[in-house]
Protein backbone atom coordinates (compact mmCIF):
# COMPACT_ATOMS: atom_id res chain seq x y z
CA MET A 1 122.18 69.00 118.67
CA SER A 2 120.06 68.19 121.78
CA SER A 3 116.39 69.15 121.98
CA MET A 4 113.26 68.49 123.82
CA ALA A 5 109.53 68.75 123.03
CA SER A 6 106.17 69.37 124.69
CA ASP A 7 102.70 69.23 123.05
CA ILE A 8 99.20 70.28 123.69
CA ILE A 9 95.94 70.30 121.79
CA ILE A 10 94.16 73.58 121.57
CA LYS A 11 90.90 73.93 119.64
CA ARG A 12 91.56 70.81 117.60
CA THR A 13 95.05 71.92 116.72
CA LEU A 14 97.98 69.84 117.90
CA LEU A 15 100.86 72.18 118.82
CA LEU A 16 104.40 70.96 119.41
CA ALA A 17 106.96 73.15 121.17
CA THR A 18 110.64 72.30 120.93
CA GLY A 19 113.81 73.77 122.40
CA SER A 20 117.30 73.28 121.08
CA GLN A 21 120.97 74.18 121.86
CA ASP A 22 120.90 77.03 119.48
CA ASP A 23 118.76 78.70 122.00
CA TYR A 24 115.60 78.76 119.95
CA ILE A 25 112.13 77.74 120.88
CA SER A 26 109.97 76.59 118.02
CA LEU A 27 106.26 76.07 117.77
CA TYR A 28 104.86 73.58 115.21
CA ASP A 29 101.31 72.91 113.94
CA VAL A 30 101.54 69.08 113.81
CA TYR A 31 98.57 68.39 111.60
CA ARG A 32 99.79 70.82 108.95
CA GLY A 33 103.38 69.96 109.31
CA ILE A 34 104.62 73.56 109.51
CA CYS A 35 106.65 75.57 111.87
CA LEU A 36 104.64 78.45 113.09
CA VAL A 37 107.22 80.53 114.85
CA GLN A 38 110.71 80.34 116.26
CA TYR A 39 111.92 82.60 119.19
CA GLN A 40 115.31 83.13 120.71
CA ALA A 41 114.73 84.39 124.25
CA HIS A 42 116.98 82.29 126.29
CA THR A 43 120.69 83.29 126.49
CA SER A 44 121.67 79.79 126.71
CA TRP A 45 119.66 76.74 125.48
CA PRO A 46 116.28 75.89 126.78
CA THR A 47 116.40 72.53 128.67
CA SER A 48 112.76 71.90 129.30
CA LEU A 49 109.26 73.08 128.09
CA ALA A 50 105.78 72.62 129.36
CA PHE A 51 102.26 73.74 128.31
CA LEU A 52 100.08 74.74 131.14
CA SER A 53 97.30 72.04 131.24
CA GLN A 54 94.57 74.63 131.43
CA PRO A 55 93.90 75.20 127.64
CA GLU A 56 92.14 78.51 128.29
CA ALA A 57 95.28 79.93 129.78
CA ASN A 58 97.17 79.29 126.51
CA LEU A 59 100.63 79.39 128.28
CA LEU A 60 103.89 77.71 127.56
CA ILE A 61 106.75 77.82 130.03
CA SER A 62 110.46 77.30 129.16
CA VAL A 63 113.46 77.00 131.39
CA GLY A 64 117.11 76.83 130.53
CA GLU A 65 120.82 76.84 131.02
CA ASP A 66 120.54 80.59 131.48
CA ARG A 67 118.89 79.79 134.94
CA SER A 68 115.72 81.54 133.82
CA ALA A 69 111.91 80.69 133.32
CA ILE A 70 110.08 82.28 130.51
CA VAL A 71 106.34 82.37 130.22
CA TRP A 72 104.89 82.57 126.72
CA ARG A 73 101.25 83.32 125.80
CA LEU A 74 100.01 81.78 122.56
CA SER A 75 98.10 84.22 120.43
CA GLU A 76 94.58 83.74 118.99
CA ARG A 77 96.27 83.39 115.55
CA VAL A 78 97.98 80.20 116.66
CA ARG A 79 94.81 78.82 118.49
CA CYS A 80 92.64 79.32 115.40
CA CYS A 81 92.66 76.15 113.30
CA ASN A 82 90.46 77.58 110.47
CA LYS A 83 93.32 79.34 108.77
CA ASN A 84 94.91 78.21 105.59
CA GLU A 85 98.66 77.61 105.57
CA GLU A 86 99.50 80.93 103.82
CA GLU A 87 97.67 82.91 106.56
CA ILE A 88 99.37 81.00 109.30
CA VAL A 89 102.84 81.69 107.78
CA GLU A 90 102.05 85.40 107.48
CA SER A 91 101.09 85.45 111.26
CA ARG A 92 104.32 83.75 112.48
CA GLY A 93 105.61 86.97 114.08
CA GLN A 94 102.53 87.19 116.22
CA ALA A 95 102.26 83.50 117.28
CA MET A 96 103.69 83.88 120.80
CA GLU A 97 104.07 86.86 123.19
CA LEU A 98 106.81 86.86 125.89
CA VAL A 99 104.88 87.48 129.14
CA ALA A 100 107.63 87.07 131.80
CA ASN A 101 111.31 86.32 131.94
CA VAL A 102 112.46 85.62 135.40
CA GLN A 103 115.88 84.52 136.92
CA ILE A 104 114.93 81.56 139.17
CA ASP A 105 117.99 79.95 140.34
CA ILE A 106 121.79 80.44 140.68
CA ASP A 107 122.39 77.18 138.74
CA PRO A 108 121.21 76.14 135.26
CA ILE A 109 117.78 74.62 135.29
CA ALA A 110 117.85 70.80 134.28
CA SER A 111 114.11 69.98 134.37
CA LEU A 112 110.63 71.38 134.58
CA SER A 113 107.33 69.94 135.40
CA ILE A 114 103.75 71.56 135.65
CA GLY A 115 100.80 70.15 137.54
CA ASP A 116 97.41 71.14 138.77
CA THR A 117 96.40 71.48 142.48
CA ASP A 118 93.12 72.68 144.10
CA ASN A 119 94.86 76.00 144.57
CA GLY A 120 95.84 76.35 140.97
CA PRO A 121 98.82 75.35 138.79
CA ILE A 122 102.26 74.60 140.25
CA MET A 123 105.68 74.31 138.68
CA SER A 124 108.65 72.45 139.87
CA THR A 125 112.25 73.00 138.73
CA ILE A 126 115.27 70.99 139.48
CA SER A 127 118.70 72.73 139.00
CA ARG A 128 121.75 70.95 137.76
CA SER A 129 123.07 70.96 141.37
CA GLY A 130 119.97 69.04 142.50
CA ARG A 131 118.08 71.96 144.03
CA LEU A 132 114.30 71.37 143.78
CA LYS A 133 111.93 74.19 143.90
CA ILE A 134 108.09 74.38 143.82
CA TRP A 135 106.31 77.48 142.42
CA HIS A 136 102.63 78.44 142.67
CA LEU A 137 101.68 80.03 139.40
CA GLN A 138 99.46 83.21 139.44
CA ILE A 139 97.73 83.29 136.09
CA HIS A 140 96.14 86.51 135.03
């Protein structure tokens, strides 16, 4: 099974996001060694994941074989590192919120990259056919 991963540190908690061919995106608390949540939002496996580098935005973006980009907002429950393991497990269903699901290409998306500019964050995607697209992200 193929998978990819992206990580970010939010409020002293190291989060790891992974995607796999079973179409699931998983979010892990690396320090505690537990899976916080799993979601199946893509209709075909997610090929790339990236956290927005602005920690206050608390966003994760996934792209996939289904030609879509999905924006996820991490909840306060995930960002809080003062919970014990039982409380985190109970909050799994509230860990991430699907903010947007947008069809962005006619071909499956092979790669995703996120960067910062003076005008805000940008996202680049490359389709399997080699089409490069640059997106200016509007964060609200």
